[in-house]
N, C-alpha and C. Protein backbone atom coordinates (compact mmCIF):
# COMPACT_ATOMS: atom_id res chain seq x y z
N UNK A 1 9.33 6.71 6.37
CA UNK A 1 8.36 7.69 5.92
C UNK A 1 9.11 8.92 5.41
N UNK A 2 8.63 9.45 4.36
CA UNK A 2 9.25 10.64 3.80
C UNK A 2 8.47 11.87 4.25
N UNK A 3 8.90 13.01 3.77
CA UNK A 3 8.25 14.26 4.16
C UNK A 3 6.83 14.36 3.61
N UNK A 4 6.53 13.58 2.60
CA UNK A 4 5.18 13.63 2.03
C UNK A 4 4.16 12.87 2.86
N UNK A 5 4.62 12.08 3.79
CA UNK A 5 3.70 11.31 4.62
C UNK A 5 3.41 9.93 4.07
N UNK A 6 3.97 9.59 2.92
CA UNK A 6 3.78 8.25 2.37
C UNK A 6 5.10 7.50 2.44
N UNK A 7 5.06 6.20 2.71
CA UNK A 7 6.32 5.46 2.78
C UNK A 7 6.98 5.37 1.40
N UNK A 8 8.30 5.36 1.40
CA UNK A 8 9.03 5.25 0.15
C UNK A 8 10.32 4.50 0.40
N UNK A 9 10.90 3.98 -0.68
CA UNK A 9 12.18 3.29 -0.59
C UNK A 9 12.87 3.36 -1.94
N UNK A 10 14.11 2.91 -1.98
CA UNK A 10 14.84 2.86 -3.24
C UNK A 10 14.43 1.60 -4.00
N UNK A 11 14.56 1.62 -5.30
CA UNK A 11 14.26 0.47 -6.14
C UNK A 11 15.29 -0.62 -5.88
N UNK A 12 14.81 -1.82 -5.59
CA UNK A 12 15.74 -2.92 -5.34
C UNK A 12 15.08 -4.23 -5.71
N UNK A 13 15.89 -5.22 -5.92
CA UNK A 13 15.41 -6.55 -6.25
C UNK A 13 15.26 -7.34 -4.96
N UNK A 14 14.22 -8.14 -4.87
CA UNK A 14 13.99 -8.95 -3.68
C UNK A 14 14.98 -10.10 -3.69
N UNK A 15 15.86 -10.15 -2.70
CA UNK A 15 16.87 -11.20 -2.55
C UNK A 15 17.69 -11.38 -3.81
N UNK A 16 17.94 -10.30 -4.56
CA UNK A 16 18.67 -10.36 -5.82
C UNK A 16 17.98 -11.32 -6.79
N UNK A 17 16.67 -11.37 -6.75
CA UNK A 17 15.89 -12.29 -7.58
C UNK A 17 16.06 -11.94 -9.05
N UNK A 18 16.36 -12.93 -9.86
CA UNK A 18 16.55 -12.72 -11.28
C UNK A 18 18.00 -12.57 -11.67
N UNK A 19 18.92 -12.41 -10.69
CA UNK A 19 20.33 -12.28 -11.01
C UNK A 19 20.87 -13.62 -11.50
N UNK A 20 20.60 -14.69 -10.77
CA UNK A 20 21.01 -16.02 -11.20
C UNK A 20 19.87 -16.74 -11.90
N UNK A 21 18.77 -16.86 -11.21
CA UNK A 21 17.56 -17.45 -11.77
C UNK A 21 16.38 -16.88 -11.00
N UNK A 22 15.20 -16.98 -11.59
CA UNK A 22 14.00 -16.43 -10.96
C UNK A 22 13.45 -17.40 -9.94
N UNK A 23 13.11 -16.91 -8.76
CA UNK A 23 12.48 -17.72 -7.72
C UNK A 23 11.15 -17.06 -7.39
N UNK A 24 10.07 -17.79 -7.58
CA UNK A 24 8.74 -17.27 -7.26
C UNK A 24 8.66 -17.00 -5.76
N UNK A 25 8.23 -15.81 -5.37
CA UNK A 25 8.21 -15.41 -3.97
C UNK A 25 6.99 -15.96 -3.22
N UNK A 26 5.98 -16.41 -3.93
CA UNK A 26 4.79 -16.97 -3.28
C UNK A 26 5.07 -18.42 -2.92
N UNK A 27 4.98 -18.75 -1.62
CA UNK A 27 5.28 -20.13 -1.24
C UNK A 27 4.03 -20.94 -0.93
N UNK A 28 2.95 -20.28 -0.51
CA UNK A 28 1.75 -21.03 -0.13
C UNK A 28 0.50 -20.21 -0.43
N UNK A 29 -0.51 -20.86 -0.98
CA UNK A 29 -1.79 -20.20 -1.23
C UNK A 29 -2.90 -21.08 -0.64
N UNK A 30 -3.80 -20.48 0.10
CA UNK A 30 -4.89 -21.23 0.73
C UNK A 30 -6.22 -20.67 0.22
N UNK A 31 -7.06 -21.57 -0.28
CA UNK A 31 -8.41 -21.20 -0.71
C UNK A 31 -9.37 -21.64 0.39
N UNK A 32 -9.94 -20.69 1.11
CA UNK A 32 -10.84 -20.98 2.23
C UNK A 32 -12.25 -20.60 1.78
N UNK A 33 -13.17 -21.57 1.86
CA UNK A 33 -14.52 -21.35 1.33
C UNK A 33 -15.52 -22.21 2.10
N UNK A 34 -16.79 -21.94 1.87
CA UNK A 34 -17.87 -22.70 2.47
C UNK A 34 -18.40 -23.70 1.44
N UNK A 35 -18.77 -24.90 1.90
CA UNK A 35 -19.28 -25.91 0.97
C UNK A 35 -20.65 -25.56 0.42
N UNK A 36 -21.43 -24.81 1.19
CA UNK A 36 -22.81 -24.54 0.78
C UNK A 36 -23.14 -23.06 0.62
N UNK A 37 -22.25 -22.16 1.02
CA UNK A 37 -22.54 -20.74 0.99
C UNK A 37 -22.65 -20.18 -0.43
N UNK A 38 -23.59 -19.25 -0.61
CA UNK A 38 -23.80 -18.65 -1.92
C UNK A 38 -22.62 -17.77 -2.35
N UNK A 39 -21.96 -17.12 -1.41
CA UNK A 39 -20.82 -16.26 -1.73
C UNK A 39 -19.60 -17.04 -2.18
N UNK A 40 -19.56 -18.35 -1.89
CA UNK A 40 -18.43 -19.20 -2.25
C UNK A 40 -18.63 -19.93 -3.58
N UNK A 41 -19.67 -19.59 -4.30
CA UNK A 41 -19.98 -20.29 -5.55
C UNK A 41 -18.83 -20.19 -6.56
N UNK A 42 -18.27 -19.01 -6.74
CA UNK A 42 -17.17 -18.82 -7.68
C UNK A 42 -15.91 -19.58 -7.27
N UNK A 43 -15.65 -19.65 -5.96
CA UNK A 43 -14.48 -20.38 -5.48
C UNK A 43 -14.66 -21.87 -5.74
N UNK A 44 -15.85 -22.39 -5.47
CA UNK A 44 -16.11 -23.81 -5.72
C UNK A 44 -15.99 -24.13 -7.21
N UNK A 45 -16.46 -23.22 -8.05
CA UNK A 45 -16.35 -23.41 -9.50
C UNK A 45 -14.88 -23.39 -9.94
N UNK A 46 -14.09 -22.48 -9.36
CA UNK A 46 -12.66 -22.42 -9.69
C UNK A 46 -11.95 -23.69 -9.25
N UNK A 47 -12.32 -24.22 -8.09
CA UNK A 47 -11.68 -25.44 -7.59
C UNK A 47 -11.99 -26.62 -8.50
N UNK A 48 -13.22 -26.69 -9.00
CA UNK A 48 -13.59 -27.78 -9.91
C UNK A 48 -12.89 -27.67 -11.25
N UNK A 49 -12.70 -26.46 -11.75
CA UNK A 49 -12.20 -26.28 -13.11
C UNK A 49 -10.73 -25.89 -13.21
N UNK A 50 -10.26 -24.96 -12.37
CA UNK A 50 -8.97 -24.34 -12.63
C UNK A 50 -7.86 -24.54 -11.64
N UNK A 51 -8.13 -25.12 -10.47
CA UNK A 51 -7.08 -25.18 -9.45
C UNK A 51 -5.97 -26.15 -9.87
N UNK A 52 -6.30 -27.21 -10.59
CA UNK A 52 -5.27 -28.17 -11.02
C UNK A 52 -4.36 -27.52 -12.07
N UNK A 53 -4.95 -26.75 -12.98
CA UNK A 53 -4.14 -26.05 -13.98
C UNK A 53 -3.21 -25.03 -13.31
N UNK A 54 -3.73 -24.31 -12.32
CA UNK A 54 -2.91 -23.33 -11.59
C UNK A 54 -1.75 -24.04 -10.90
N UNK A 55 -2.02 -25.17 -10.26
CA UNK A 55 -0.98 -25.91 -9.54
C UNK A 55 0.09 -26.45 -10.50
N UNK A 56 -0.33 -26.86 -11.70
CA UNK A 56 0.64 -27.35 -12.69
C UNK A 56 1.51 -26.22 -13.22
N UNK A 57 0.94 -25.03 -13.41
CA UNK A 57 1.70 -23.88 -13.90
C UNK A 57 2.68 -23.34 -12.86
N UNK A 58 2.37 -23.52 -11.57
CA UNK A 58 3.19 -22.98 -10.48
C UNK A 58 3.62 -24.11 -9.54
N UNK A 59 4.59 -24.94 -9.97
CA UNK A 59 4.97 -26.08 -9.12
C UNK A 59 5.68 -25.68 -7.83
N UNK A 60 6.20 -24.46 -7.74
CA UNK A 60 6.90 -24.04 -6.52
C UNK A 60 5.94 -23.51 -5.45
N UNK A 61 4.66 -23.40 -5.78
CA UNK A 61 3.67 -22.88 -4.84
C UNK A 61 2.78 -24.02 -4.35
N UNK A 62 2.63 -24.12 -3.04
CA UNK A 62 1.77 -25.14 -2.45
C UNK A 62 0.35 -24.57 -2.40
N UNK A 63 -0.62 -25.35 -2.87
CA UNK A 63 -2.01 -24.91 -2.90
C UNK A 63 -2.81 -25.74 -1.89
N UNK A 64 -3.44 -25.05 -0.93
CA UNK A 64 -4.31 -25.70 0.04
C UNK A 64 -5.76 -25.33 -0.28
N UNK A 65 -6.64 -26.33 -0.26
CA UNK A 65 -8.07 -26.11 -0.44
C UNK A 65 -8.72 -26.48 0.88
N UNK A 66 -9.34 -25.48 1.55
CA UNK A 66 -9.88 -25.69 2.89
C UNK A 66 -11.37 -25.38 2.93
N UNK A 67 -12.23 -26.41 2.84
CA UNK A 67 -13.66 -26.16 3.05
C UNK A 67 -13.93 -25.98 4.55
N UNK A 68 -14.44 -24.82 4.91
CA UNK A 68 -14.74 -24.52 6.31
C UNK A 68 -16.13 -23.92 6.39
N UNK A 69 -16.70 -23.94 7.58
CA UNK A 69 -18.01 -23.31 7.76
C UNK A 69 -17.78 -21.83 8.05
N UNK A 70 -17.52 -21.08 6.98
CA UNK A 70 -17.26 -19.64 7.13
C UNK A 70 -18.19 -18.88 6.20
N UNK A 71 -18.50 -17.66 6.56
CA UNK A 71 -19.38 -16.84 5.73
C UNK A 71 -18.62 -16.20 4.58
N UNK A 72 -17.39 -15.80 4.85
CA UNK A 72 -16.63 -15.02 3.88
C UNK A 72 -15.54 -15.90 3.28
N UNK A 73 -15.62 -16.20 1.98
CA UNK A 73 -14.53 -16.95 1.35
C UNK A 73 -13.34 -16.02 1.11
N UNK A 74 -12.14 -16.58 1.26
CA UNK A 74 -10.96 -15.75 1.09
C UNK A 74 -9.80 -16.58 0.56
N UNK A 75 -8.82 -15.85 0.03
CA UNK A 75 -7.57 -16.44 -0.43
C UNK A 75 -6.47 -15.87 0.45
N UNK A 76 -5.67 -16.76 1.05
CA UNK A 76 -4.57 -16.34 1.91
C UNK A 76 -3.27 -16.69 1.19
N UNK A 77 -2.44 -15.69 0.92
CA UNK A 77 -1.17 -15.88 0.23
C UNK A 77 -0.03 -15.64 1.21
N UNK A 78 0.91 -16.59 1.29
CA UNK A 78 2.07 -16.46 2.17
C UNK A 78 3.32 -16.42 1.30
N UNK A 79 4.20 -15.45 1.57
CA UNK A 79 5.39 -15.21 0.75
C UNK A 79 6.65 -15.64 1.48
N UNK A 80 7.75 -15.76 0.76
CA UNK A 80 9.03 -16.19 1.33
C UNK A 80 9.57 -15.23 2.38
N UNK A 81 9.25 -13.94 2.27
CA UNK A 81 9.75 -12.97 3.25
C UNK A 81 8.91 -12.94 4.52
N UNK A 82 7.90 -13.81 4.61
CA UNK A 82 7.09 -13.91 5.83
C UNK A 82 5.80 -13.12 5.81
N UNK A 83 5.57 -12.31 4.80
CA UNK A 83 4.34 -11.52 4.76
C UNK A 83 3.17 -12.39 4.31
N UNK A 84 2.01 -12.03 4.81
CA UNK A 84 0.77 -12.76 4.51
C UNK A 84 -0.25 -11.76 3.99
N UNK A 85 -0.90 -12.09 2.87
CA UNK A 85 -1.96 -11.23 2.31
C UNK A 85 -3.24 -12.03 2.24
N UNK A 86 -4.32 -11.41 2.67
CA UNK A 86 -5.65 -12.03 2.58
C UNK A 86 -6.49 -11.24 1.60
N UNK A 87 -7.12 -11.94 0.69
CA UNK A 87 -8.01 -11.32 -0.29
C UNK A 87 -9.39 -11.95 -0.14
N UNK A 88 -10.39 -11.12 0.04
CA UNK A 88 -11.77 -11.58 0.15
C UNK A 88 -12.31 -11.80 -1.27
N UNK A 89 -12.91 -12.96 -1.51
CA UNK A 89 -13.38 -13.30 -2.86
C UNK A 89 -14.88 -13.60 -2.87
N UNK A 90 -15.64 -12.91 -2.04
CA UNK A 90 -17.08 -13.10 -2.01
C UNK A 90 -17.71 -12.69 -3.33
N UNK A 91 -18.54 -13.55 -3.87
CA UNK A 91 -19.31 -13.33 -5.11
C UNK A 91 -18.42 -13.07 -6.33
N UNK A 92 -17.19 -13.56 -6.35
CA UNK A 92 -16.34 -13.44 -7.53
C UNK A 92 -16.47 -14.69 -8.38
N UNK A 93 -16.30 -14.51 -9.68
CA UNK A 93 -16.41 -15.64 -10.60
C UNK A 93 -15.07 -16.37 -10.68
N UNK A 94 -15.10 -17.55 -11.31
CA UNK A 94 -13.87 -18.35 -11.44
C UNK A 94 -12.79 -17.61 -12.23
N UNK A 95 -13.11 -16.93 -13.37
CA UNK A 95 -12.05 -16.18 -14.07
C UNK A 95 -11.47 -15.03 -13.23
N UNK A 96 -12.32 -14.38 -12.43
CA UNK A 96 -11.81 -13.31 -11.56
C UNK A 96 -10.86 -13.86 -10.50
N UNK A 97 -11.17 -15.03 -9.97
CA UNK A 97 -10.31 -15.65 -8.97
C UNK A 97 -9.00 -16.09 -9.61
N UNK A 98 -9.07 -16.63 -10.82
CA UNK A 98 -7.86 -17.01 -11.54
C UNK A 98 -6.96 -15.80 -11.79
N UNK A 99 -7.57 -14.68 -12.16
CA UNK A 99 -6.83 -13.44 -12.39
C UNK A 99 -6.19 -12.94 -11.09
N UNK A 100 -6.91 -13.04 -9.98
CA UNK A 100 -6.38 -12.63 -8.68
C UNK A 100 -5.20 -13.51 -8.26
N UNK A 101 -5.31 -14.81 -8.49
CA UNK A 101 -4.22 -15.71 -8.16
C UNK A 101 -2.98 -15.42 -9.00
N UNK A 102 -3.17 -15.08 -10.26
CA UNK A 102 -2.05 -14.71 -11.12
C UNK A 102 -1.37 -13.45 -10.59
N UNK A 103 -2.17 -12.48 -10.15
CA UNK A 103 -1.60 -11.25 -9.59
C UNK A 103 -0.82 -11.53 -8.32
N UNK A 104 -1.38 -12.36 -7.42
CA UNK A 104 -0.70 -12.68 -6.17
C UNK A 104 0.59 -13.46 -6.43
N UNK A 105 0.59 -14.31 -7.45
CA UNK A 105 1.78 -15.10 -7.78
C UNK A 105 2.91 -14.22 -8.29
N UNK A 106 2.58 -13.17 -9.03
CA UNK A 106 3.62 -12.33 -9.63
C UNK A 106 4.15 -11.27 -8.66
N UNK A 107 3.55 -11.11 -7.50
CA UNK A 107 4.01 -10.11 -6.54
C UNK A 107 5.11 -10.68 -5.64
N UNK A 108 5.83 -9.79 -4.97
CA UNK A 108 6.94 -10.21 -4.12
C UNK A 108 6.56 -10.32 -2.65
N UNK A 109 5.42 -9.82 -2.27
CA UNK A 109 5.03 -9.83 -0.87
C UNK A 109 5.36 -8.54 -0.15
N UNK A 110 6.13 -7.66 -0.79
CA UNK A 110 6.44 -6.36 -0.19
C UNK A 110 5.27 -5.41 -0.41
N UNK A 111 5.18 -4.42 0.45
CA UNK A 111 4.15 -3.40 0.29
C UNK A 111 4.39 -2.63 -1.00
N UNK A 112 3.33 -2.20 -1.65
CA UNK A 112 3.45 -1.39 -2.84
C UNK A 112 3.58 0.06 -2.38
N UNK A 113 4.77 0.64 -2.57
CA UNK A 113 5.03 1.99 -2.09
C UNK A 113 5.71 2.82 -3.17
N UNK A 114 5.85 4.10 -2.89
CA UNK A 114 6.46 5.03 -3.83
C UNK A 114 7.97 4.79 -3.90
N UNK A 115 8.51 4.78 -5.12
CA UNK A 115 9.95 4.60 -5.33
C UNK A 115 10.60 5.98 -5.32
N UNK A 116 11.66 6.16 -4.54
CA UNK A 116 12.31 7.47 -4.41
C UNK A 116 13.03 7.89 -5.68
N UNK A 117 13.88 7.03 -6.20
CA UNK A 117 14.66 7.35 -7.39
C UNK A 117 14.64 6.15 -8.33
N UNK A 118 14.81 6.38 -9.63
CA UNK A 118 14.84 5.24 -10.54
C UNK A 118 16.16 4.48 -10.49
N UNK A 119 17.17 5.00 -9.77
CA UNK A 119 18.45 4.31 -9.66
C UNK A 119 18.96 4.45 -8.24
N UNK A 120 19.73 3.47 -7.80
CA UNK A 120 20.30 3.49 -6.45
C UNK A 120 21.49 2.54 -6.44
N UNK A 121 22.51 2.87 -5.69
CA UNK A 121 23.66 2.00 -5.54
C UNK A 121 24.06 1.97 -4.08
N UNK A 122 24.62 0.84 -3.66
CA UNK A 122 25.10 0.72 -2.29
C UNK A 122 26.49 1.33 -2.12
N UNK A 123 27.21 1.51 -3.23
CA UNK A 123 28.53 2.15 -3.18
C UNK A 123 28.53 3.36 -4.12
N UNK A 124 28.04 4.50 -3.66
CA UNK A 124 27.91 5.66 -4.54
C UNK A 124 29.25 6.24 -4.96
N UNK A 125 29.27 6.87 -6.13
CA UNK A 125 30.46 7.52 -6.64
C UNK A 125 30.45 8.98 -6.21
N UNK A 126 31.64 9.54 -5.95
CA UNK A 126 31.69 10.93 -5.54
C UNK A 126 31.64 11.87 -6.74
N UNK A 127 31.80 11.32 -7.94
CA UNK A 127 31.82 12.20 -9.10
C UNK A 127 30.44 12.44 -9.70
N UNK A 128 29.43 11.76 -9.23
CA UNK A 128 28.09 12.02 -9.72
C UNK A 128 27.70 11.15 -10.89
N UNK A 129 26.51 11.35 -11.37
CA UNK A 129 25.99 10.55 -12.47
C UNK A 129 26.55 11.06 -13.79
N UNK A 130 26.83 10.16 -14.73
CA UNK A 130 27.38 10.52 -16.02
C UNK A 130 26.31 11.16 -16.89
N UNK A 131 26.68 12.15 -17.67
CA UNK A 131 25.81 12.73 -18.69
C UNK A 131 26.71 13.13 -19.86
N UNK A 132 26.18 13.52 -21.02
CA UNK A 132 27.02 13.77 -22.20
C UNK A 132 28.04 14.88 -22.04
N UNK A 133 27.86 15.79 -21.09
CA UNK A 133 28.80 16.90 -20.93
C UNK A 133 29.75 16.69 -19.76
N UNK A 134 29.86 15.46 -19.26
CA UNK A 134 30.72 15.20 -18.11
C UNK A 134 32.18 15.52 -18.41
N UNK A 135 32.71 15.04 -19.53
CA UNK A 135 34.13 15.21 -19.85
C UNK A 135 34.35 16.31 -20.88
N UNK A 136 33.46 17.26 -20.97
CA UNK A 136 33.59 18.37 -21.92
C UNK A 136 34.66 19.34 -21.41
N UNK A 137 35.62 19.71 -22.26
CA UNK A 137 36.68 20.61 -21.79
C UNK A 137 36.12 21.98 -21.40
N UNK A 138 36.57 22.56 -20.30
CA UNK A 138 36.04 23.85 -19.85
C UNK A 138 36.45 25.00 -20.76
N UNK A 139 37.48 24.78 -21.60
CA UNK A 139 37.94 25.87 -22.47
C UNK A 139 36.92 26.22 -23.55
N UNK A 140 36.02 25.33 -23.85
CA UNK A 140 35.00 25.59 -24.87
C UNK A 140 33.98 26.60 -24.35
N UNK A 141 33.76 26.61 -23.06
CA UNK A 141 32.82 27.56 -22.48
C UNK A 141 31.42 26.95 -22.39
N UNK A 142 30.53 27.68 -21.76
CA UNK A 142 29.17 27.15 -21.60
C UNK A 142 28.43 27.11 -22.93
N UNK A 143 27.47 26.26 -23.00
CA UNK A 143 26.65 26.13 -24.21
C UNK A 143 25.57 27.20 -24.17
N UNK A 144 25.47 27.97 -25.25
CA UNK A 144 24.46 29.03 -25.34
C UNK A 144 23.71 28.86 -26.65
N UNK A 145 22.48 29.31 -26.70
CA UNK A 145 21.74 29.24 -27.97
C UNK A 145 22.40 30.14 -29.00
N UNK A 146 22.34 29.72 -30.24
CA UNK A 146 22.94 30.50 -31.32
C UNK A 146 22.07 31.71 -31.62
N UNK A 147 22.74 32.84 -31.94
CA UNK A 147 22.01 34.03 -32.32
C UNK A 147 21.54 33.90 -33.76
N UNK A 148 20.44 34.50 -34.05
CA UNK A 148 19.93 34.49 -35.43
C UNK A 148 20.80 35.34 -36.35
N UNK A 149 21.53 36.33 -35.78
CA UNK A 149 22.37 37.22 -36.59
C UNK A 149 23.56 36.49 -37.19
N UNK A 150 24.10 35.51 -36.49
CA UNK A 150 25.32 34.84 -36.96
C UNK A 150 25.07 33.88 -38.09
N UNK A 151 23.84 33.56 -38.39
CA UNK A 151 23.55 32.59 -39.45
C UNK A 151 23.28 33.23 -40.76
């Protein structure tokens, strides 16, 4: 936690993902719905039309379809880092569920928090960050705006 009261961290890649090759962080998705419930209508429609296409596009993600006697349909996403996210999908349409699954697939499973700095290194330099005036000779003196009289 920072002084602002909101959690923050440095920008980093999850398990160095993308350095060698990309590994989808979503390992398992469960669609839990009721066979007869009115709130599960969109989920049932998505299962009939789009779940096979989603599974073909994401071969590294296991898709479970669980008809249960529950009132609230939900999607449970499990990630490689062990985090689990549940999304309630009551009264959502099939395209909305497809959009939600795409969002869950592209996430890493980490909490969405404020980034402290746009750059970070594990081995910092003592000389600081480079800028155009880093190696400017001190004999030139500081940069000052030009006077209108000299022109």
